[in-house]
Structure formats: structure tokens, C-alpha cells
Amino acid sequence: MKTRIHAMLLLISILLATAADTAAAAGAAPKEPKLLLYQDMVLEFLLPDVQNAVNDYYKNRLPANPLVYPYQIDILQAKRINGGPGDRGFHFSITLETTPVLGPHIAVGKDRMTFEVSPLFPDKVKLVAFKHLQTFELPSNLEELMKNAGETGQDTRYRNLPK
């Protein structure tokens, strides 16, 4: 009888341990690459400056500021301005492209910008280049919105954007 109880307890213990290991393995989040983690942290840090640059460009071209989401930004190049092998300078140049959107994620254009990040700058981030690469056509319902905004005196010459 005692042997049977011990065997039953041992069997229950093994089943519970196996179930716990299986549940822990299933619930464990897969590891993300460190490069992706660092890239996302840089984008989060730069997002307010990217949004400001986009707002400055589109402020007289659209009735509302388009939004920039971090997942719609691609880092094209990141490099040290000073420093080299064995010398870790902390002045960086970061070039990126973004696709700002209006409303329900309707792309309005494509822009490339270069920032310099340095402890030498009071705000640490400086926009050094901005280039509008492409203008996208808006759907008819947004064109109507822009026409209505034009009646209130706002500049709505979206199709005449410089390329």
C-alpha cells in the first residue's frame, strides 16, 4: 500500500514538473536580436525630432500635421563622426527615411533626413539635412477635406509640392 502511494506521488510529481516546464517554455518570449532592440531605442529617442522636422516641412502644405510612427522609419546609415577603431567618440550622424501619414495611415510622402547627435549640442540632436523624396496622391475623401480646409484660409496646394 505504501509503495503504491509513493509510486502515485512520484508519478504526480513527475507529471507536474513536466507540465510546469512545458508551460514555462511555451510562455517564454523569444529573444529579439540586440541590433533590433538598439535600433528601436534610437528611433524612440529621435522620434520627437523626426516629427518636428516633418511638421516644419508639411505645415504649409497640408491642413494638419502628418504623423510619424517609429515602425515607419528606416535607419539608412549610422556612423561616428569622430573616433575610430579603439577610440569611442560620441558624435554620431544618423540618416533615416520616413513615410508620414494622415488619418488612418494614409501615406502623404517619403522624406529623408540626417541628424547629428553629440554632447556638444545643447539639445544633443541637430537636424543637418532634410529632403522630400516623394509625394503620394491622396484619396478623394481626403482631397475633399483639404478643399474644405482651403475655404478657411489654410494653404492646401498639396499637389504642387516640390519634389
N, C-alpha and C. Protein backbone atom coordinates (compact mmCIF):
# COMPACT_ATOMS: atom_id res chain seq x y z
N MET A 1 0.83 -1.18 0.00
CA MET A 1 0.00 0.00 0.00
C MET A 1 0.88 1.25 0.00
N LYS A 2 1.90 1.26 0.91
CA LYS A 2 2.81 2.41 0.97
C LYS A 2 3.55 2.57 -0.35
N THR A 3 3.94 1.48 -0.94
CA THR A 3 4.66 1.53 -2.19
C THR A 3 3.79 2.13 -3.28
N ARG A 4 2.53 1.74 -3.25
CA ARG A 4 1.58 2.25 -4.24
C ARG A 4 1.40 3.77 -4.07
N ILE A 5 1.31 4.26 -2.85
CA ILE A 5 1.14 5.69 -2.56
C ILE A 5 2.40 6.44 -3.00
N HIS A 6 3.57 5.89 -2.67
CA HIS A 6 4.83 6.51 -3.07
C HIS A 6 4.96 6.58 -4.59
N ALA A 7 4.57 5.50 -5.24
CA ALA A 7 4.64 5.46 -6.71
C ALA A 7 3.68 6.49 -7.31
N MET A 8 2.47 6.57 -6.71
CA MET A 8 1.48 7.54 -7.19
C MET A 8 1.99 8.97 -6.97
N LEU A 9 2.57 9.28 -5.84
CA LEU A 9 3.12 10.61 -5.55
C LEU A 9 4.28 10.94 -6.49
N LEU A 10 5.13 9.95 -6.74
CA LEU A 10 6.23 10.15 -7.66
C LEU A 10 5.72 10.44 -9.07
N LEU A 11 4.73 9.70 -9.51
CA LEU A 11 4.15 9.91 -10.82
C LEU A 11 3.50 11.30 -10.93
N ILE A 12 2.77 11.72 -9.92
CA ILE A 12 2.14 13.05 -9.91
C ILE A 12 3.21 14.13 -9.94
N SER A 13 4.27 13.97 -9.17
CA SER A 13 5.37 14.94 -9.14
C SER A 13 6.03 15.08 -10.52
N ILE A 14 6.26 13.96 -11.16
CA ILE A 14 6.88 13.99 -12.49
C ILE A 14 5.95 14.68 -13.49
N LEU A 15 4.66 14.35 -13.46
CA LEU A 15 3.70 14.98 -14.36
C LEU A 15 3.61 16.48 -14.13
N LEU A 16 3.57 16.90 -12.87
CA LEU A 16 3.50 18.33 -12.56
C LEU A 16 4.78 19.05 -13.00
N ALA A 17 5.91 18.45 -12.78
CA ALA A 17 7.18 19.07 -13.19
C ALA A 17 7.25 19.19 -14.71
N THR A 18 6.82 18.16 -15.42
CA THR A 18 6.82 18.20 -16.88
C THR A 18 5.86 19.25 -17.39
N ALA A 19 4.68 19.33 -16.79
CA ALA A 19 3.68 20.32 -17.20
C ALA A 19 4.20 21.74 -16.93
N ALA A 20 4.86 21.95 -15.81
CA ALA A 20 5.40 23.28 -15.48
C ALA A 20 6.50 23.68 -16.45
N ASP A 21 7.38 22.72 -16.80
CA ASP A 21 8.45 23.01 -17.76
C ASP A 21 7.87 23.34 -19.14
N THR A 22 6.84 22.59 -19.55
CA THR A 22 6.21 22.83 -20.85
C THR A 22 5.54 24.20 -20.86
N ALA A 23 4.85 24.56 -19.80
CA ALA A 23 4.17 25.85 -19.72
C ALA A 23 5.19 26.99 -19.72
N ALA A 24 6.28 26.81 -19.00
CA ALA A 24 7.31 27.84 -18.96
C ALA A 24 7.95 28.03 -20.32
N ALA A 25 8.19 26.92 -21.03
CA ALA A 25 8.79 27.01 -22.36
C ALA A 25 7.83 27.67 -23.34
N ALA A 26 6.55 27.36 -23.25
CA ALA A 26 5.57 27.93 -24.16
C ALA A 26 5.36 29.41 -23.89
N GLY A 27 5.44 29.83 -22.63
CA GLY A 27 5.20 31.22 -22.28
C GLY A 27 6.42 32.11 -22.42
N ALA A 28 7.57 31.52 -22.59
CA ALA A 28 8.79 32.32 -22.69
C ALA A 28 8.82 33.06 -24.01
N ALA A 29 9.06 34.36 -23.93
CA ALA A 29 9.12 35.17 -25.15
C ALA A 29 10.42 34.87 -25.90
N PRO A 30 10.33 34.78 -27.22
CA PRO A 30 11.56 34.55 -27.98
C PRO A 30 12.49 35.76 -27.84
N LYS A 31 13.77 35.50 -27.82
CA LYS A 31 14.74 36.59 -27.69
C LYS A 31 14.79 37.37 -29.00
N GLU A 32 14.76 38.70 -28.87
CA GLU A 32 14.90 39.52 -30.05
C GLU A 32 16.37 39.87 -30.25
N PRO A 33 16.77 40.09 -31.47
CA PRO A 33 18.17 40.44 -31.72
C PRO A 33 18.51 41.78 -31.06
N LYS A 34 19.71 41.87 -30.50
CA LYS A 34 20.12 43.11 -29.83
C LYS A 34 20.15 44.29 -30.79
N LEU A 35 20.53 44.04 -32.03
CA LEU A 35 20.58 45.13 -33.01
C LEU A 35 19.21 45.77 -33.19
N LEU A 36 18.17 44.95 -33.26
CA LEU A 36 16.81 45.47 -33.40
C LEU A 36 16.40 46.25 -32.15
N LEU A 37 16.77 45.75 -31.00
CA LEU A 37 16.48 46.44 -29.74
C LEU A 37 17.14 47.82 -29.72
N TYR A 38 18.42 47.88 -30.08
CA TYR A 38 19.14 49.16 -30.07
C TYR A 38 18.60 50.11 -31.13
N GLN A 39 18.25 49.59 -32.29
CA GLN A 39 17.69 50.43 -33.35
C GLN A 39 16.37 51.05 -32.89
N ASP A 40 15.52 50.26 -32.26
CA ASP A 40 14.24 50.77 -31.78
C ASP A 40 14.44 51.81 -30.68
N MET A 41 15.44 51.63 -29.83
CA MET A 41 15.72 52.63 -28.79
C MET A 41 16.18 53.94 -29.42
N VAL A 42 17.02 53.88 -30.45
CA VAL A 42 17.47 55.09 -31.13
C VAL A 42 16.28 55.79 -31.78
N LEU A 43 15.40 55.04 -32.43
CA LEU A 43 14.23 55.63 -33.07
C LEU A 43 13.32 56.30 -32.05
N GLU A 44 13.15 55.68 -30.91
CA GLU A 44 12.31 56.27 -29.86
C GLU A 44 12.93 57.58 -29.36
N PHE A 45 14.24 57.60 -29.26
CA PHE A 45 14.95 58.80 -28.83
C PHE A 45 14.82 59.91 -29.88
N LEU A 46 14.90 59.57 -31.15
CA LEU A 46 14.86 60.57 -32.23
C LEU A 46 13.44 60.95 -32.67
N LEU A 47 12.43 60.18 -32.29
CA LEU A 47 11.08 60.39 -32.81
C LEU A 47 10.57 61.83 -32.65
N PRO A 48 10.74 62.50 -31.51
CA PRO A 48 10.26 63.89 -31.42
C PRO A 48 10.94 64.81 -32.43
N ASP A 49 12.22 64.62 -32.68
CA ASP A 49 12.95 65.45 -33.64
C ASP A 49 12.52 65.13 -35.07
N VAL A 50 12.26 63.87 -35.36
CA VAL A 50 11.77 63.48 -36.68
C VAL A 50 10.40 64.11 -36.90
N GLN A 51 9.52 64.02 -35.89
CA GLN A 51 8.18 64.58 -36.01
C GLN A 51 8.25 66.10 -36.22
N ASN A 52 9.13 66.79 -35.50
CA ASN A 52 9.27 68.24 -35.67
C ASN A 52 9.73 68.60 -37.08
N ALA A 53 10.67 67.84 -37.62
CA ALA A 53 11.17 68.11 -38.97
C ALA A 53 10.06 67.90 -40.00
N VAL A 54 9.28 66.85 -39.83
CA VAL A 54 8.15 66.58 -40.73
C VAL A 54 7.10 67.68 -40.60
N ASN A 55 6.79 68.09 -39.38
CA ASN A 55 5.82 69.17 -39.17
C ASN A 55 6.27 70.45 -39.86
N ASP A 56 7.55 70.78 -39.74
CA ASP A 56 8.08 72.00 -40.37
C ASP A 56 7.93 71.94 -41.89
N TYR A 57 8.17 70.79 -42.48
CA TYR A 57 8.08 70.68 -43.93
C TYR A 57 6.63 70.76 -44.42
N TYR A 58 5.72 70.06 -43.76
CA TYR A 58 4.35 69.94 -44.25
C TYR A 58 3.41 71.02 -43.72
N LYS A 59 3.88 71.90 -42.84
CA LYS A 59 2.95 72.84 -42.18
C LYS A 59 2.19 73.73 -43.15
N ASN A 60 2.76 74.13 -44.28
CA ASN A 60 2.05 74.97 -45.25
C ASN A 60 1.56 74.17 -46.45
N ARG A 61 1.67 72.86 -46.37
CA ARG A 61 1.29 72.02 -47.50
C ARG A 61 0.07 71.15 -47.22
N LEU A 62 -0.21 70.93 -45.95
CA LEU A 62 -1.35 70.11 -45.55
C LEU A 62 -2.16 70.83 -44.48
N PRO A 63 -3.46 70.54 -44.37
CA PRO A 63 -4.27 71.20 -43.35
C PRO A 63 -3.98 70.70 -41.93
N ALA A 64 -3.32 69.57 -41.81
CA ALA A 64 -2.97 69.03 -40.49
C ALA A 64 -1.58 68.41 -40.58
N ASN A 65 -0.91 68.35 -39.44
CA ASN A 65 0.41 67.72 -39.42
C ASN A 65 0.27 66.21 -39.60
N PRO A 66 1.03 65.66 -40.54
CA PRO A 66 1.03 64.20 -40.65
C PRO A 66 1.77 63.60 -39.46
N LEU A 67 1.47 62.37 -39.16
CA LEU A 67 2.12 61.68 -38.04
C LEU A 67 3.23 60.77 -38.54
N VAL A 68 4.22 60.58 -37.68
CA VAL A 68 5.32 59.67 -37.97
C VAL A 68 5.32 58.60 -36.88
N TYR A 69 5.30 57.36 -37.30
CA TYR A 69 5.34 56.25 -36.36
C TYR A 69 6.71 55.59 -36.45
N PRO A 70 7.24 55.12 -35.31
CA PRO A 70 8.59 54.53 -35.33
C PRO A 70 8.72 53.36 -36.29
N TYR A 71 7.67 52.60 -36.49
CA TYR A 71 7.76 51.44 -37.38
C TYR A 71 7.71 51.85 -38.85
N GLN A 72 7.55 53.16 -39.13
CA GLN A 72 7.60 53.65 -40.50
C GLN A 72 8.86 54.47 -40.74
N ILE A 73 9.87 54.21 -39.94
CA ILE A 73 11.17 54.87 -40.09
C ILE A 73 12.21 53.79 -40.35
N ASP A 74 13.02 54.01 -41.36
CA ASP A 74 14.14 53.10 -41.65
C ASP A 74 15.44 53.85 -41.44
N ILE A 75 16.33 53.29 -40.65
CA ILE A 75 17.65 53.87 -40.48
C ILE A 75 18.50 53.40 -41.66
N LEU A 76 18.96 54.37 -42.47
CA LEU A 76 19.77 54.05 -43.65
C LEU A 76 21.24 53.95 -43.31
N GLN A 77 21.68 54.84 -42.42
CA GLN A 77 23.10 54.86 -42.07
C GLN A 77 23.27 55.48 -40.69
N ALA A 78 24.16 54.92 -39.91
CA ALA A 78 24.55 55.47 -38.62
C ALA A 78 26.05 55.32 -38.52
N LYS A 79 26.72 56.43 -38.21
CA LYS A 79 28.18 56.36 -38.13
C LYS A 79 28.70 57.36 -37.11
N ARG A 80 29.91 57.11 -36.66
CA ARG A 80 30.59 58.05 -35.77
C ARG A 80 31.21 59.14 -36.62
N ILE A 81 31.06 60.38 -36.15
CA ILE A 81 31.70 61.50 -36.84
C ILE A 81 33.17 61.56 -36.46
N ASN A 82 33.43 61.41 -35.21
CA ASN A 82 34.83 61.38 -34.76
C ASN A 82 35.09 60.03 -34.10
N GLY A 83 36.30 59.73 -33.90
CA GLY A 83 36.63 58.44 -33.32
C GLY A 83 36.95 57.44 -34.40
N GLY A 84 37.31 56.30 -33.98
CA GLY A 84 37.66 55.25 -34.91
C GLY A 84 37.92 53.98 -34.14
N PRO A 85 38.64 53.05 -34.76
CA PRO A 85 38.93 51.80 -34.06
C PRO A 85 39.67 52.08 -32.75
N GLY A 86 39.08 51.66 -31.67
CA GLY A 86 39.71 51.84 -30.37
C GLY A 86 39.44 53.20 -29.75
N ASP A 87 38.85 54.14 -30.49
CA ASP A 87 38.55 55.48 -29.96
C ASP A 87 37.06 55.70 -30.07
N ARG A 88 36.36 55.64 -28.97
CA ARG A 88 34.90 55.74 -28.99
C ARG A 88 34.46 57.19 -28.86
N GLY A 89 34.40 57.92 -29.97
CA GLY A 89 33.86 59.27 -29.96
C GLY A 89 32.34 59.19 -29.84
N PHE A 90 31.73 60.25 -29.31
CA PHE A 90 30.29 60.23 -29.08
C PHE A 90 29.56 61.28 -29.90
N HIS A 91 30.04 61.51 -31.11
CA HIS A 91 29.39 62.40 -32.07
C HIS A 91 28.97 61.51 -33.24
N PHE A 92 27.65 61.41 -33.46
CA PHE A 92 27.12 60.47 -34.45
C PHE A 92 26.32 61.18 -35.53
N SER A 93 26.28 60.57 -36.71
CA SER A 93 25.43 61.00 -37.80
C SER A 93 24.47 59.85 -38.10
N ILE A 94 23.17 60.18 -38.16
CA ILE A 94 22.15 59.16 -38.40
C ILE A 94 21.26 59.63 -39.55
N THR A 95 21.23 58.87 -40.63
CA THR A 95 20.39 59.18 -41.79
C THR A 95 19.23 58.19 -41.81
N LEU A 96 18.03 58.71 -42.00
CA LEU A 96 16.85 57.85 -41.99
C LEU A 96 15.83 58.32 -43.01
N GLU A 97 14.93 57.42 -43.34
CA GLU A 97 13.80 57.73 -44.22
C GLU A 97 12.52 57.40 -43.48
N THR A 98 11.51 58.24 -43.71
CA THR A 98 10.22 58.02 -43.06
C THR A 98 9.08 58.27 -44.03
N THR A 99 7.94 57.70 -43.71
CA THR A 99 6.74 57.88 -44.50
C THR A 99 5.66 58.43 -43.57
N PRO A 100 5.48 59.76 -43.53
CA PRO A 100 4.45 60.34 -42.68
C PRO A 100 3.06 60.01 -43.21
N VAL A 101 2.08 59.97 -42.30
CA VAL A 101 0.72 59.58 -42.66
C VAL A 101 -0.30 60.56 -42.11
N LEU A 102 -1.44 60.60 -42.77
CA LEU A 102 -2.60 61.35 -42.30
C LEU A 102 -3.71 60.37 -41.99
N GLY A 103 -4.54 60.73 -41.02
CA GLY A 103 -5.72 59.93 -40.73
C GLY A 103 -5.40 58.47 -40.52
N PRO A 104 -6.16 57.59 -41.17
CA PRO A 104 -5.99 56.15 -40.95
C PRO A 104 -4.79 55.59 -41.72
N HIS A 105 -3.63 56.13 -41.45
CA HIS A 105 -2.36 55.67 -42.03
C HIS A 105 -2.31 55.81 -43.54
N ILE A 106 -2.73 56.96 -44.04
CA ILE A 106 -2.63 57.25 -45.46
C ILE A 106 -1.33 58.01 -45.69
N ALA A 107 -0.41 57.39 -46.39
CA ALA A 107 0.91 57.98 -46.60
C ALA A 107 0.80 59.24 -47.45
N VAL A 108 1.49 60.30 -47.02
CA VAL A 108 1.46 61.57 -47.76
C VAL A 108 2.76 61.83 -48.51
N GLY A 109 3.82 61.14 -48.14
CA GLY A 109 5.09 61.36 -48.81
C GLY A 109 6.19 60.50 -48.21
N LYS A 110 7.37 60.69 -48.75
CA LYS A 110 8.55 60.00 -48.25
C LYS A 110 9.64 61.04 -48.08
N ASP A 111 10.30 61.04 -46.93
CA ASP A 111 11.30 62.05 -46.61
C ASP A 111 12.57 61.39 -46.07
N ARG A 112 13.69 62.02 -46.38
CA ARG A 112 14.99 61.56 -45.86
C ARG A 112 15.57 62.69 -45.03
N MET A 113 16.10 62.35 -43.89
CA MET A 113 16.72 63.36 -43.03
C MET A 113 17.96 62.80 -42.35
N THR A 114 18.87 63.72 -42.06
CA THR A 114 20.10 63.35 -41.36
C THR A 114 20.18 64.17 -40.09
N PHE A 115 20.43 63.49 -38.99
CA PHE A 115 20.61 64.12 -37.69
C PHE A 115 22.02 63.88 -37.22
N GLU A 116 22.53 64.82 -36.45
CA GLU A 116 23.77 64.61 -35.73
C GLU A 116 23.42 64.61 -34.25
N VAL A 117 23.98 63.66 -33.54
CA VAL A 117 23.77 63.53 -32.11
C VAL A 117 25.13 63.69 -31.46
N SER A 118 25.23 64.65 -30.52
CA SER A 118 26.52 64.93 -29.91
C SER A 118 26.34 65.59 -28.55
N PRO A 119 27.23 65.31 -27.62
CA PRO A 119 27.19 66.03 -26.35
C PRO A 119 27.58 67.50 -26.51
N LEU A 120 28.09 67.86 -27.69
CA LEU A 120 28.47 69.25 -27.96
C LEU A 120 27.26 70.13 -28.23
N PHE A 121 26.12 69.54 -28.60
CA PHE A 121 24.92 70.31 -28.89
C PHE A 121 24.10 70.46 -27.61
N PRO A 122 23.54 71.66 -27.39
CA PRO A 122 22.76 71.86 -26.16
C PRO A 122 21.59 70.88 -26.02
N ASP A 123 20.89 70.59 -27.13
CA ASP A 123 19.77 69.66 -27.07
C ASP A 123 20.17 68.25 -27.49
N LYS A 124 21.44 68.05 -27.75
CA LYS A 124 22.04 66.76 -28.13
C LYS A 124 21.71 66.29 -29.55
N VAL A 125 20.63 66.80 -30.17
CA VAL A 125 20.24 66.36 -31.50
C VAL A 125 20.10 67.58 -32.40
N LYS A 126 20.65 67.47 -33.62
CA LYS A 126 20.60 68.59 -34.56
C LYS A 126 20.24 68.04 -35.95
N LEU A 127 19.21 68.61 -36.56
CA LEU A 127 18.84 68.25 -37.92
C LEU A 127 19.81 68.94 -38.86
N VAL A 128 20.53 68.18 -39.68
CA VAL A 128 21.50 68.78 -40.59
C VAL A 128 21.08 68.71 -42.05
N ALA A 129 20.11 67.83 -42.37
CA ALA A 129 19.63 67.75 -43.76
C ALA A 129 18.23 67.17 -43.77
N PHE A 130 17.39 67.74 -44.65
CA PHE A 130 16.03 67.23 -44.85
C PHE A 130 15.76 67.28 -46.34
N LYS A 131 15.32 66.16 -46.90
CA LYS A 131 15.00 66.12 -48.32
C LYS A 131 13.67 65.39 -48.51
N HIS A 132 12.73 66.07 -49.17
CA HIS A 132 11.46 65.45 -49.51
C HIS A 132 11.71 64.63 -50.78
N LEU A 133 11.46 63.33 -50.71
CA LEU A 133 11.77 62.43 -51.82
C LEU A 133 10.60 62.17 -52.74
N GLN A 134 9.40 62.10 -52.17
CA GLN A 134 8.27 61.67 -52.97
C GLN A 134 6.97 62.18 -52.35
N THR A 135 6.02 62.57 -53.20
CA THR A 135 4.68 62.98 -52.77
C THR A 135 3.69 61.93 -53.25
N PHE A 136 2.80 61.50 -52.37
CA PHE A 136 1.81 60.49 -52.72
C PHE A 136 0.45 61.16 -52.94
N GLU A 137 -0.32 60.62 -53.88
CA GLU A 137 -1.67 61.10 -54.13
C GLU A 137 -2.55 60.76 -52.93
N LEU A 138 -3.44 61.67 -52.61
CA LEU A 138 -4.39 61.42 -51.53
C LEU A 138 -5.67 60.83 -52.10
N PRO A 139 -6.37 60.00 -51.32
CA PRO A 139 -7.66 59.51 -51.79
C PRO A 139 -8.66 60.67 -51.88
N SER A 140 -9.71 60.49 -52.65
CA SER A 140 -10.66 61.57 -52.92
C SER A 140 -11.29 62.14 -51.66
N ASN A 141 -11.55 61.30 -50.65
CA ASN A 141 -12.18 61.82 -49.44
C ASN A 141 -11.25 62.78 -48.69
N LEU A 142 -9.94 62.56 -48.74
CA LEU A 142 -9.01 63.48 -48.10
C LEU A 142 -8.79 64.72 -48.94
N GLU A 143 -8.87 64.59 -50.26
CA GLU A 143 -8.76 65.78 -51.12
C GLU A 143 -9.92 66.72 -50.83
N GLU A 144 -11.11 66.15 -50.59
CA GLU A 144 -12.28 66.98 -50.25
C GLU A 144 -12.06 67.69 -48.92
N LEU A 145 -11.48 66.98 -47.95
CA LEU A 145 -11.15 67.59 -46.66
C LEU A 145 -10.20 68.76 -46.85
N MET A 146 -9.23 68.59 -47.74
CA MET A 146 -8.25 69.65 -47.98
C MET A 146 -8.91 70.83 -48.68
N LYS A 147 -9.87 70.58 -49.59
CA LYS A 147 -10.58 71.68 -50.24
C LYS A 147 -11.37 72.48 -49.20
N ASN A 148 -12.01 71.76 -48.26
CA ASN A 148 -12.77 72.43 -47.21
C ASN A 148 -11.85 73.23 -46.30
N ALA A 149 -10.65 72.71 -46.04
CA ALA A 149 -9.70 73.44 -45.22
C ALA A 149 -9.25 74.70 -45.95
N GLY A 150 -9.19 74.65 -47.29
CA GLY A 150 -8.79 75.82 -48.08
C GLY A 150 -9.77 76.96 -47.94
N GLU A 151 -11.04 76.65 -47.71
CA GLU A 151 -12.04 77.70 -47.52
C GLU A 151 -11.82 78.46 -46.23
N THR A 152 -11.10 77.87 -45.28
CA THR A 152 -10.83 78.55 -44.03
C THR A 152 -9.53 79.33 -44.08
N GLY A 153 -8.91 79.38 -45.25
CA GLY A 153 -7.70 80.18 -45.41
C GLY A 153 -6.41 79.40 -45.29
N GLN A 154 -6.48 78.10 -45.06
CA GLN A 154 -5.26 77.32 -44.97
C GLN A 154 -4.75 76.97 -46.36
N ASP A 155 -3.44 76.87 -46.49
CA ASP A 155 -2.82 76.53 -47.77
C ASP A 155 -3.00 75.04 -48.03
N THR A 156 -3.63 74.70 -49.14
CA THR A 156 -3.89 73.29 -49.44
C THR A 156 -3.31 72.89 -50.78
N ARG A 157 -2.26 73.52 -51.23
CA ARG A 157 -1.69 73.21 -52.54
C ARG A 157 -0.84 71.94 -52.47
N TYR A 158 -1.44 70.86 -52.09
CA TYR A 158 -0.71 69.62 -51.87
C TYR A 158 -0.08 69.10 -53.15
N ARG A 159 -0.77 69.17 -54.26
CA ARG A 159 -0.23 68.58 -55.50
C ARG A 159 0.93 69.39 -56.05
N ASN A 160 1.13 70.59 -55.58
CA ASN A 160 2.22 71.43 -56.08
C ASN A 160 3.45 71.35 -55.17
N LEU A 161 3.54 70.30 -54.38
CA LEU A 161 4.71 70.14 -53.52
C LEU A 161 5.97 70.02 -54.36
N PRO A 162 7.07 70.65 -53.93
CA PRO A 162 8.32 70.45 -54.66
C PRO A 162 8.80 69.02 -54.48
N LYS A 163 9.38 68.49 -55.52
CA LYS A 163 9.87 67.11 -55.43
C LYS A 163 11.36 67.09 -55.33
